[in-house]
Amino acid sequence: MAMVNTTRKVAFHTLGCKLNYAETSTISRQFESAGYEKIDFGKAADLYVINTCSVTENADREFRKIVNKVKRQAPDSKVAVIGCYAQLRPENIVATSKVDVVLGTKEKFNLLQHLDFNSASEIPLIIQDSEVDELHGCTPSYSVGDRTRSFLKIQDGCDYPCTYCTIPLARGKSRSIDPDILVMQAHEIAAKGVKEIVLTGVNVGDYRFGPDYTLIDLLKKLDDVPGIDRVRISSIEPNLLTNEIIEFVAQSKSILPHFHIPLQAGSDKVLSLMKRRYGVDLYKDRIRAVREAMPHAGIGVDVIVGFPGEGEAEFQETYDLIDSLDISYLHVFTYSERPNTEAIKLPGKVGMRSRKARNKRLTELSGRKNQAFALRQLNEKKLVLLESWNDGILTGMTENYLKVHIKSDSEVLLNTIIGVELTGVHQSKVLASINS
């Protein structure tokens, strides 16, 4: 490991998913243990570490802007680029940006070992995992820094061959972390005063350790960890959301009634082109099962617009399906072509103007769905984890993922769970008052 001057400053920036945030936080703790001073990314540092995403073209563009900004900010600094984009397109990184270290999926956790502040070489060090499909093991990670919530990585990689997705190329096959380690980490998180854990991974529903231990077993273990009042599942594929999981969440002490269930398309034709592992009927059945067990559960939906082969009729199928479903909100993604994916070769390319128009229609539908979900619960009592205070307003999340706004002249209640009553919706904001 390189010798470290304790006055060296390091700053971190994360692009992309909750899993990336968990891993960045783990790597930052390695640096702090080695004597580095962790500072805000907007300040002059000796080393900038950028953990990258390559899900969308926007993430690629954002990465280049960030590198250019830090080099203007601190011209003599070192820049290390790690993560998915570093694994998939290291040649793009070094061709378009002045960086010093580029580390792929597995090697990013060894960044400290690859730093050489005395080197004057302008040739960046690149370590790309050449056999990403053969990656073994799964580095445990969790985030700290947000005193109310921690992202806990339980799984990495994916065995699903979705035609639009680069994540299996970047992160390899599905593999999971020992449940005993995860329970130990949950105790560590609780000891830091964090009230909520978000379970994260590439394909969380595919969690399995050994032949018989699956996600439901892990949920039962985490439900008994003292000090953790809330456990939230970040996202789960509809074909992996079993009746057993739904029934357990409905009666558990800490697993929250909130499911984020990717749909991606409401057309069986498009789902087939995407190589998704379910059809529209199964998806509708899963929404119905959640709603019957937990009438007020939050249900979020991912959807991609403008996928090749999605004509106006197929998009209308998606729109009509979502409009008919009893859900809470949407995350709408505009399809972008990614190198080395099957989808890039599919016929029926959708023009960018149509992609944007479809995104706008579904985003507007999401707003209406979210407002209807909130209005249905007015005058009801909820528990809220308070996360921020600004200009006399406390904000926090209910168990079922409604963000509420509460008038308060003090921030003393931050990081506490309080009872509130939902009182109204104003300009898309859910208002609440503290129970007396």
Protein backbone atom coordinates (compact mmCIF):
# COMPACT_ATOMS: atom_id res chain seq x y z
CA MET A 1 0.00 0.00 0.00
CA ALA A 2 1.26 3.47 -0.85
CA MET A 3 2.67 5.57 2.02
CA VAL A 4 0.11 8.13 3.07
CA ASN A 5 0.67 11.70 4.18
CA THR A 6 -2.07 12.23 6.75
CA THR A 7 -2.74 15.73 5.39
CA ARG A 8 -3.83 14.39 2.01
CA LYS A 9 -7.40 15.17 1.18
CA VAL A 10 -9.73 12.86 -0.74
CA ALA A 11 -13.17 13.59 -2.14
CA PHE A 12 -15.74 11.13 -3.48
CA HIS A 13 -18.54 11.43 -5.99
CA THR A 14 -21.08 8.72 -6.85
CA LEU A 15 -23.08 8.36 -10.03
CA GLY A 16 -26.02 5.99 -10.36
CA CYS A 17 -27.70 3.55 -8.03
CA LYS A 18 -27.99 2.96 -4.30
CA LEU A 19 -25.57 0.04 -4.66
CA ASN A 20 -22.89 2.45 -5.89
CA TYR A 21 -23.50 4.68 -2.87
CA ALA A 22 -23.02 1.74 -0.50
CA GLU A 23 -19.76 0.79 -2.21
CA THR A 24 -18.44 4.36 -2.33
CA SER A 25 -19.07 4.71 1.39
CA THR A 26 -17.16 1.49 2.10
CA ILE A 27 -14.20 2.63 -0.02
CA SER A 28 -14.19 6.05 1.67
CA ARG A 29 -13.93 4.37 5.07
CA GLN A 30 -10.83 2.52 3.80
CA PHE A 31 -9.23 5.88 3.00
CA GLU A 32 -10.14 7.42 6.33
CA SER A 33 -8.66 4.40 8.12
CA ALA A 34 -5.47 4.89 6.09
CA GLY A 35 -5.12 8.49 7.31
CA TYR A 36 -6.74 10.49 4.53
CA GLU A 37 -8.99 13.44 5.29
CA LYS A 38 -12.33 13.06 3.54
CA ILE A 39 -13.68 16.37 2.28
CA ASP A 40 -16.58 17.67 0.23
CA PHE A 41 -16.31 17.03 -3.51
CA GLY A 42 -16.70 20.72 -4.24
CA LYS A 43 -13.43 21.58 -2.46
CA ALA A 44 -9.80 21.32 -3.60
CA ALA A 45 -8.50 17.81 -2.91
CA ASP A 46 -5.36 15.79 -3.58
CA LEU A 47 -7.43 12.90 -4.90
CA TYR A 48 -10.87 12.74 -6.45
CA VAL A 49 -12.60 9.35 -6.65
CA ILE A 50 -15.53 9.02 -9.05
CA ASN A 51 -17.65 5.88 -8.80
CA THR A 52 -19.34 5.58 -12.16
CA CYS A 53 -22.55 4.25 -13.65
CA SER A 54 -23.18 3.25 -17.23
CA VAL A 55 -26.90 2.59 -17.27
CA THR A 56 -27.66 5.61 -19.43
CA GLU A 57 -25.89 7.89 -21.86
CA ASN A 58 -26.59 10.79 -19.49
CA ALA A 59 -24.43 9.12 -16.83
CA ASP A 60 -21.55 8.99 -19.31
CA ARG A 61 -21.90 12.69 -20.15
CA GLU A 62 -22.23 13.66 -16.50
CA PHE A 63 -19.01 11.80 -15.73
CA ARG A 64 -17.02 13.80 -18.29
CA LYS A 65 -18.35 17.10 -16.95
CA ILE A 66 -17.33 16.13 -13.43
CA VAL A 67 -13.76 15.24 -14.43
CA ASN A 68 -13.34 18.52 -16.31
CA LYS A 69 -14.68 20.44 -13.32
CA VAL A 70 -12.33 18.89 -10.75
CA LYS A 71 -9.32 19.38 -13.01
CA ARG A 72 -10.14 23.09 -13.26
CA GLN A 73 -10.71 23.16 -9.51
CA ALA A 74 -7.44 21.40 -8.60
CA PRO A 75 -5.16 21.01 -11.65
CA ASP A 76 -2.50 19.02 -9.79
CA SER A 77 -4.91 16.55 -8.24
CA LYS A 78 -5.09 12.86 -9.00
CA VAL A 79 -8.35 11.46 -10.40
CA ALA A 80 -9.40 7.85 -9.93
CA VAL A 81 -12.33 6.48 -11.89
CA ILE A 82 -13.92 3.27 -10.64
CA GLY A 83 -17.03 1.20 -11.16
CA CYS A 84 -19.28 0.17 -14.02
CA TYR A 85 -18.25 2.69 -16.68
CA ALA A 86 -14.61 2.05 -15.80
CA GLN A 87 -15.21 -1.66 -16.33
CA LEU A 88 -17.09 -1.33 -19.60
CA ARG A 89 -15.41 1.57 -21.39
CA PRO A 90 -11.95 2.33 -19.96
CA GLU A 91 -10.72 3.35 -23.40
CA ASN A 92 -13.44 6.03 -23.60
CA ILE A 93 -12.46 7.38 -20.20
CA VAL A 94 -8.78 7.86 -21.02
CA ALA A 95 -9.55 9.18 -24.51
CA THR A 96 -11.91 11.91 -23.33
CA SER A 97 -10.71 12.78 -19.82
CA LYS A 98 -7.45 13.39 -17.98
CA VAL A 99 -7.45 10.73 -15.28
CA ASP A 100 -4.78 8.80 -13.40
CA VAL A 101 -6.34 5.50 -12.33
CA VAL A 102 -9.17 3.48 -13.92
CA LEU A 103 -10.33 0.43 -11.97
CA GLY A 104 -13.08 -2.00 -12.92
CA THR A 105 -15.69 -3.87 -10.94
CA LYS A 106 -13.57 -6.03 -8.68
CA GLU A 107 -10.37 -3.99 -8.39
CA LYS A 108 -12.08 -0.78 -7.22
CA PHE A 109 -11.96 -2.04 -3.63
CA ASN A 110 -8.14 -2.14 -3.92
CA LEU A 111 -7.80 1.48 -5.02
CA LEU A 112 -5.51 2.40 -2.11
CA GLN A 113 -2.92 -0.11 -3.31
CA HIS A 114 -2.73 1.44 -6.77
CA LEU A 115 -2.10 5.07 -5.85
CA ASP A 116 1.30 6.63 -6.50
CA PHE A 117 1.41 10.33 -5.74
CA ASN A 118 5.09 10.49 -6.66
CA SER A 119 4.61 9.29 -10.22
CA ALA A 120 4.90 11.90 -12.95
CA SER A 121 3.65 9.54 -15.63
CA GLU A 122 0.83 10.82 -17.80
CA ILE A 123 -0.18 7.28 -18.76
CA PRO A 124 -3.10 6.22 -16.57
CA LEU A 125 -3.17 2.91 -14.75
CA ILE A 126 -6.02 0.78 -16.12
CA ILE A 127 -7.15 -2.46 -14.52
CA GLN A 128 -10.18 -3.98 -16.17
CA ASP A 129 -11.54 -7.32 -14.97
CA SER A 130 -11.19 -9.33 -18.16
CA GLU A 131 -13.33 -12.24 -16.98
CA VAL A 132 -16.19 -10.37 -15.33
CA ASP A 133 -18.50 -13.37 -15.79
CA GLU A 134 -16.19 -15.37 -13.54
CA LEU A 135 -16.11 -12.86 -10.71
CA HIS A 136 -16.47 -14.67 -7.43
CA GLY A 137 -17.26 -13.36 -4.01
CA CYS A 138 -19.23 -10.26 -3.17
CA THR A 139 -17.59 -7.45 -1.21
CA PRO A 140 -19.78 -6.41 1.73
CA SER A 141 -20.65 -2.69 1.72
CA TYR A 142 -22.92 -0.24 3.44
CA SER A 143 -23.26 3.52 3.43
CA VAL A 144 -22.79 5.89 6.35
CA GLY A 145 -23.00 9.66 6.50
CA ASP A 146 -26.77 10.01 6.24
CA ARG A 147 -27.75 9.65 9.87
CA THR A 148 -31.30 8.57 9.10
CA ARG A 149 -30.77 5.93 6.40
CA SER A 150 -28.12 3.41 5.31
CA PHE A 151 -27.87 1.45 2.07
CA LEU A 152 -26.89 -2.14 2.81
CA LYS A 153 -25.56 -4.19 -0.10
CA ILE A 154 -26.85 -7.75 0.07
CA GLN A 155 -26.17 -8.96 -3.48
CA ASP A 156 -24.26 -8.09 -6.65
CA GLY A 157 -24.38 -9.08 -10.32
CA CYS A 158 -27.28 -10.44 -12.36
CA ASP A 159 -28.08 -13.60 -14.33
CA TYR A 160 -30.90 -11.99 -16.31
CA PRO A 161 -30.15 -11.37 -20.01
CA CYS A 162 -32.28 -8.22 -20.52
CA THR A 163 -31.43 -6.97 -24.00
CA TYR A 164 -31.05 -3.28 -23.01
CA CYS A 165 -28.88 -3.72 -19.92
CA THR A 166 -25.11 -3.45 -19.46
CA ILE A 167 -25.07 -4.25 -15.74
CA PRO A 168 -24.32 -8.00 -16.13
CA LEU A 169 -21.43 -7.03 -18.42
CA ALA A 170 -20.09 -4.69 -15.75
CA ARG A 171 -20.83 -6.65 -12.57
CA GLY A 172 -20.92 -10.30 -13.58
CA LYS A 173 -23.12 -13.11 -12.38
CA SER A 174 -25.48 -12.94 -9.42
CA ARG A 175 -23.85 -13.63 -6.06
CA SER A 176 -24.89 -12.85 -2.50
CA ILE A 177 -23.34 -11.94 0.83
CA ASP A 178 -23.33 -14.28 3.84
CA PRO A 179 -26.43 -13.50 5.94
CA ASP A 180 -24.38 -13.61 9.14
CA ILE A 181 -22.20 -10.79 7.80
CA LEU A 182 -25.30 -8.80 6.84
CA VAL A 183 -26.82 -9.19 10.30
CA MET A 184 -23.51 -8.10 11.85
CA GLN A 185 -23.46 -5.04 9.58
CA ALA A 186 -27.06 -4.25 10.51
CA HIS A 187 -26.00 -4.20 14.18
CA GLU A 188 -23.11 -1.87 13.26
CA ILE A 189 -25.50 0.45 11.44
CA ALA A 190 -27.90 0.46 14.39
CA ALA A 191 -25.02 1.37 16.72
CA LYS A 192 -24.45 4.52 14.63
CA GLY A 193 -27.98 5.67 15.38
CA VAL A 194 -29.34 5.00 11.88
CA LYS A 195 -33.05 4.23 11.92
CA GLU A 196 -33.61 2.80 8.43
CA ILE A 197 -31.78 0.29 6.25
CA VAL A 198 -32.41 0.05 2.51
CA LEU A 199 -31.51 -3.36 1.09
CA THR A 200 -29.71 -2.86 -2.19
CA GLY A 201 -28.11 -4.88 -4.96
CA VAL A 202 -28.36 -5.41 -8.70
CA ASN A 203 -31.14 -8.01 -8.39
CA VAL A 204 -32.18 -8.02 -4.74
CA GLY A 205 -34.96 -10.56 -5.21
CA ASP A 206 -32.38 -13.07 -6.46
CA TYR A 207 -30.62 -13.08 -3.06
CA ARG A 208 -29.61 -16.63 -2.24
CA PHE A 209 -26.87 -18.04 -0.03
CA GLY A 210 -26.38 -21.73 -0.42
CA PRO A 211 -29.07 -23.99 -1.84
CA ASP A 212 -31.98 -23.00 0.39
CA TYR A 213 -31.37 -19.58 1.97
CA THR A 214 -33.24 -16.87 0.05
CA LEU A 215 -34.48 -13.31 0.50
CA ILE A 216 -37.39 -14.27 2.74
CA ASP A 217 -34.96 -15.90 5.19
CA LEU A 218 -32.79 -12.78 5.26
CA LEU A 219 -35.82 -10.55 5.83
CA LYS A 220 -36.83 -12.66 8.83
CA LYS A 221 -33.31 -12.32 10.29
CA LEU A 222 -33.17 -8.55 9.78
CA ASP A 223 -36.64 -8.11 11.23
CA ASP A 224 -35.20 -9.12 14.61
CA VAL A 225 -32.21 -6.73 14.68
CA PRO A 226 -32.72 -4.35 17.64
CA GLY A 227 -32.28 -0.64 16.95
CA ILE A 228 -33.27 -0.83 13.30
CA ASP A 229 -36.83 0.41 13.17
CA ARG A 230 -37.20 0.23 9.41
CA VAL A 231 -35.99 -2.05 6.63
CA ARG A 232 -36.91 -1.09 3.08
CA ILE A 233 -36.47 -3.27 -0.02
CA SER A 234 -35.01 -1.07 -2.74
CA SER A 235 -36.39 -2.92 -5.77
CA ILE A 236 -37.60 -6.41 -6.59
CA GLU A 237 -38.41 -8.11 -9.88
CA PRO A 238 -42.10 -9.08 -10.20
CA ASN A 239 -41.32 -12.73 -10.88
CA LEU A 240 -39.27 -12.85 -7.64
CA LEU A 241 -41.87 -11.13 -5.46
CA THR A 242 -43.43 -14.22 -3.93
CA ASN A 243 -46.64 -14.49 -1.95
CA GLU A 244 -44.50 -15.56 1.01
CA ILE A 245 -42.55 -12.29 0.91
CA ILE A 246 -45.72 -10.22 0.56
CA GLU A 247 -47.41 -12.01 3.46
CA PHE A 248 -44.34 -11.64 5.69
CA VAL A 249 -43.94 -7.92 5.00
CA ALA A 250 -47.62 -7.39 5.78
CA GLN A 251 -47.13 -8.60 9.38
CA SER A 252 -43.44 -7.84 10.07
CA LYS A 253 -42.13 -5.50 12.75
CA SER A 254 -39.73 -3.50 10.59
CA ILE A 255 -39.95 -4.46 6.89
CA LEU A 256 -41.80 -1.52 5.37
CA PRO A 257 -44.94 -1.77 3.21
CA HIS A 258 -43.21 -0.35 0.16
CA PHE A 259 -42.34 -2.25 -3.01
CA HIS A 260 -40.53 -0.92 -6.04
CA ILE A 261 -41.44 -3.36 -8.83
CA PRO A 262 -39.89 -2.81 -12.28
CA LEU A 263 -42.34 -3.11 -15.17
CA GLN A 264 -40.27 -1.62 -18.04
CA ALA A 265 -43.11 -2.10 -20.57
CA GLY A 266 -46.83 -2.82 -20.46
CA SER A 267 -46.80 -4.66 -23.78
CA ASP A 268 -46.09 -8.38 -23.92
CA LYS A 269 -44.48 -7.85 -27.32
CA VAL A 270 -42.01 -5.32 -25.94
CA LEU A 271 -41.37 -7.36 -22.78
CA SER A 272 -40.44 -10.28 -25.04
CA LEU A 273 -38.06 -8.08 -27.05
CA MET A 274 -36.50 -6.97 -23.77
CA LYS A 275 -36.21 -10.62 -22.64
CA ARG A 276 -37.95 -9.87 -19.38
CA ARG A 277 -38.96 -12.91 -17.33
CA TYR A 278 -42.66 -12.17 -16.96
CA GLY A 279 -45.67 -10.95 -18.89
CA VAL A 280 -48.32 -8.35 -18.25
CA ASP A 281 -50.67 -10.82 -16.54
CA LEU A 282 -48.08 -11.82 -13.94
CA TYR A 283 -47.27 -8.17 -13.27
CA LYS A 284 -50.93 -7.30 -12.70
CA ASP A 285 -51.23 -10.29 -10.37
CA ARG A 286 -48.30 -9.11 -8.24
CA ILE A 287 -49.74 -5.60 -7.87
CA ARG A 288 -53.09 -7.11 -6.93
CA ALA A 289 -51.45 -9.41 -4.34
CA VAL A 290 -49.60 -6.52 -2.67
CA ARG A 291 -52.69 -4.34 -2.62
CA GLU A 292 -54.87 -7.07 -1.11
CA ALA A 293 -52.36 -7.74 1.68
CA MET A 294 -51.47 -4.08 2.31
CA PRO A 295 -54.12 -1.63 1.02
CA HIS A 296 -51.93 1.42 1.69
CA ALA A 297 -48.57 -0.03 0.61
CA GLY A 298 -46.42 2.22 -1.55
CA ILE A 299 -45.85 0.70 -4.98
CA GLY A 300 -43.29 2.22 -7.32
CA VAL A 301 -42.80 1.22 -10.94
CA ASP A 302 -39.86 1.50 -13.36
CA VAL A 303 -40.74 1.92 -17.02
CA ILE A 304 -38.64 2.45 -20.16
CA VAL A 305 -40.06 4.41 -23.10
CA GLY A 306 -38.87 4.33 -26.69
CA PHE A 307 -37.49 0.81 -26.73
CA PRO A 308 -36.96 -0.59 -30.28
CA GLY A 309 -40.22 -2.10 -31.51
CA GLU A 310 -42.37 0.08 -29.24
CA GLY A 311 -44.79 1.62 -31.74
CA GLU A 312 -47.63 3.92 -30.78
CA ALA A 313 -49.89 0.92 -30.13
CA GLU A 314 -47.37 -0.73 -27.78
CA PHE A 315 -46.77 2.53 -25.92
CA GLN A 316 -50.50 2.98 -25.51
CA GLU A 317 -50.69 -0.51 -24.03
CA THR A 318 -48.08 0.54 -21.47
CA TYR A 319 -49.88 3.79 -20.71
CA ASP A 320 -53.26 2.12 -20.34
CA LEU A 321 -51.86 -0.64 -18.13
CA ILE A 322 -50.17 1.78 -15.75
CA ASP A 323 -53.24 3.99 -15.70
CA SER A 324 -55.30 0.97 -14.62
CA LEU A 325 -52.93 -0.18 -11.87
CA ASP A 326 -53.26 0.91 -8.25
CA ILE A 327 -49.70 2.19 -7.88
CA SER A 328 -48.04 5.16 -6.14
CA TYR A 329 -45.44 6.58 -8.52
CA LEU A 330 -43.31 5.92 -11.60
CA HIS A 331 -39.62 6.17 -12.44
CA VAL A 332 -39.63 6.86 -16.17
CA PHE A 333 -36.49 6.20 -18.23
CA THR A 334 -35.95 7.15 -21.86
CA TYR A 335 -34.31 4.28 -23.71
CA SER A 336 -30.72 4.98 -24.74
CA GLU A 337 -28.59 2.74 -26.91
CA ARG A 338 -25.80 1.03 -24.99
CA PRO A 339 -22.83 -0.64 -26.74
CA ASN A 340 -22.56 -4.44 -26.59
CA THR A 341 -26.26 -4.98 -25.86
CA GLU A 342 -28.68 -6.99 -27.99
CA ALA A 343 -31.20 -4.16 -28.15
CA ILE A 344 -28.89 -1.94 -30.16
CA LYS A 345 -29.32 -4.33 -33.11
CA LEU A 346 -33.12 -4.59 -32.93
CA PRO A 347 -35.25 -3.09 -35.69
CA GLY A 348 -38.00 -0.54 -35.07
CA LYS A 349 -35.90 2.26 -33.65
CA VAL A 350 -37.99 5.01 -32.04
CA GLY A 351 -37.16 8.63 -32.83
CA MET A 352 -35.87 10.80 -30.01
CA ARG A 353 -38.77 13.24 -30.28
CA SER A 354 -41.24 10.37 -29.71
CA ARG A 355 -39.15 9.02 -26.82
CA LYS A 356 -39.24 12.40 -25.08
CA ALA A 357 -42.95 12.87 -25.71
CA ARG A 358 -43.72 9.44 -24.24
CA ASN A 359 -41.52 10.18 -21.22
CA LYS A 360 -43.46 13.41 -20.64
CA ARG A 361 -46.84 11.64 -20.82
CA LEU A 362 -45.84 8.99 -18.30
CA THR A 363 -44.18 11.53 -16.00
CA GLU A 364 -47.44 13.47 -15.91
CA LEU A 365 -49.32 10.24 -15.20
CA SER A 366 -46.91 9.54 -12.34
CA GLY A 367 -47.74 12.89 -10.78
CA ARG A 368 -51.45 12.14 -10.93
CA LYS A 369 -50.94 8.66 -9.49
CA ASN A 370 -48.85 9.98 -6.62
CA GLN A 371 -51.38 12.68 -5.78
CA ALA A 372 -54.29 10.22 -5.86
CA PHE A 373 -52.34 7.87 -3.58
CA ALA A 374 -51.78 10.69 -1.09
CA LEU A 375 -55.34 12.02 -1.23
CA ARG A 376 -56.68 8.58 -0.45
CA GLN A 377 -54.85 8.69 2.89
CA LEU A 378 -55.83 12.16 4.11
CA ASN A 379 -56.78 12.35 7.80
CA GLU A 380 -55.00 9.05 8.44
CA LYS A 381 -52.23 8.65 11.00
CA LYS A 382 -48.77 7.62 9.81
CA LEU A 383 -45.28 7.16 11.23
CA VAL A 384 -42.65 9.40 9.64
CA LEU A 385 -38.86 9.25 9.85
CA LEU A 386 -37.80 12.92 9.86
CA GLU A 387 -34.83 13.51 7.58
CA SER A 388 -34.37 17.25 6.99
CA TRP A 389 -35.34 20.68 8.28
CA ASN A 390 -35.27 23.81 6.14
CA ASP A 391 -37.05 27.17 6.33
CA GLY A 392 -39.29 26.02 9.14
CA ILE A 393 -40.34 22.78 7.42
CA LEU A 394 -39.51 19.25 8.56
CA THR A 395 -39.61 16.60 5.84
CA GLY A 396 -39.59 12.84 6.10
CA MET A 397 -40.92 9.61 4.67
CA THR A 398 -43.88 7.57 5.81
CA GLU A 399 -43.65 3.81 6.00
CA ASN A 400 -45.28 3.59 2.58
CA TYR A 401 -42.96 6.12 0.95
CA LEU A 402 -44.92 9.34 0.99
CA LYS A 403 -42.74 12.39 1.51
CA VAL A 404 -44.49 14.69 3.97
CA HIS A 405 -43.92 18.32 4.98
CA ILE A 406 -44.53 19.47 8.56
CA LYS A 407 -44.32 23.02 9.91
CA SER A 408 -41.80 23.23 12.75
CA ASP A 409 -39.65 25.97 14.27
CA SER A 410 -36.95 23.48 15.32
CA GLU A 411 -34.82 20.68 13.92
CA VAL A 412 -34.67 18.88 17.26
CA LEU A 413 -36.88 16.05 15.99
CA LEU A 414 -34.55 15.07 13.13
CA ASN A 415 -33.75 11.34 12.93
CA THR A 416 -36.74 10.45 15.05
CA ILE A 417 -39.85 8.55 14.05
CA ILE A 418 -42.98 10.45 14.99
CA GLY A 419 -46.70 10.02 14.55
CA VAL A 420 -48.38 12.45 12.17
CA GLU A 421 -51.74 12.99 10.54
CA LEU A 422 -51.91 13.69 6.81
CA THR A 423 -53.80 16.96 6.42
CA GLY A 424 -53.66 17.94 2.76
CA VAL A 425 -51.92 18.08 -0.59
CA HIS A 426 -50.72 21.45 -1.90
CA GLN A 427 -48.78 21.87 -5.17
CA SER A 428 -47.84 18.17 -5.11
CA LYS A 429 -46.60 18.40 -1.52
CA VAL A 430 -48.14 16.16 1.12
CA LEU A 431 -48.81 18.15 4.29
CA ALA A 432 -49.00 16.72 7.79
CA SER A 433 -49.27 17.75 11.41
CA ILE A 434 -47.66 16.11 14.42
CA ASN A 435 -50.04 14.04 16.52
CA SER A 436 -50.75 15.69 19.84
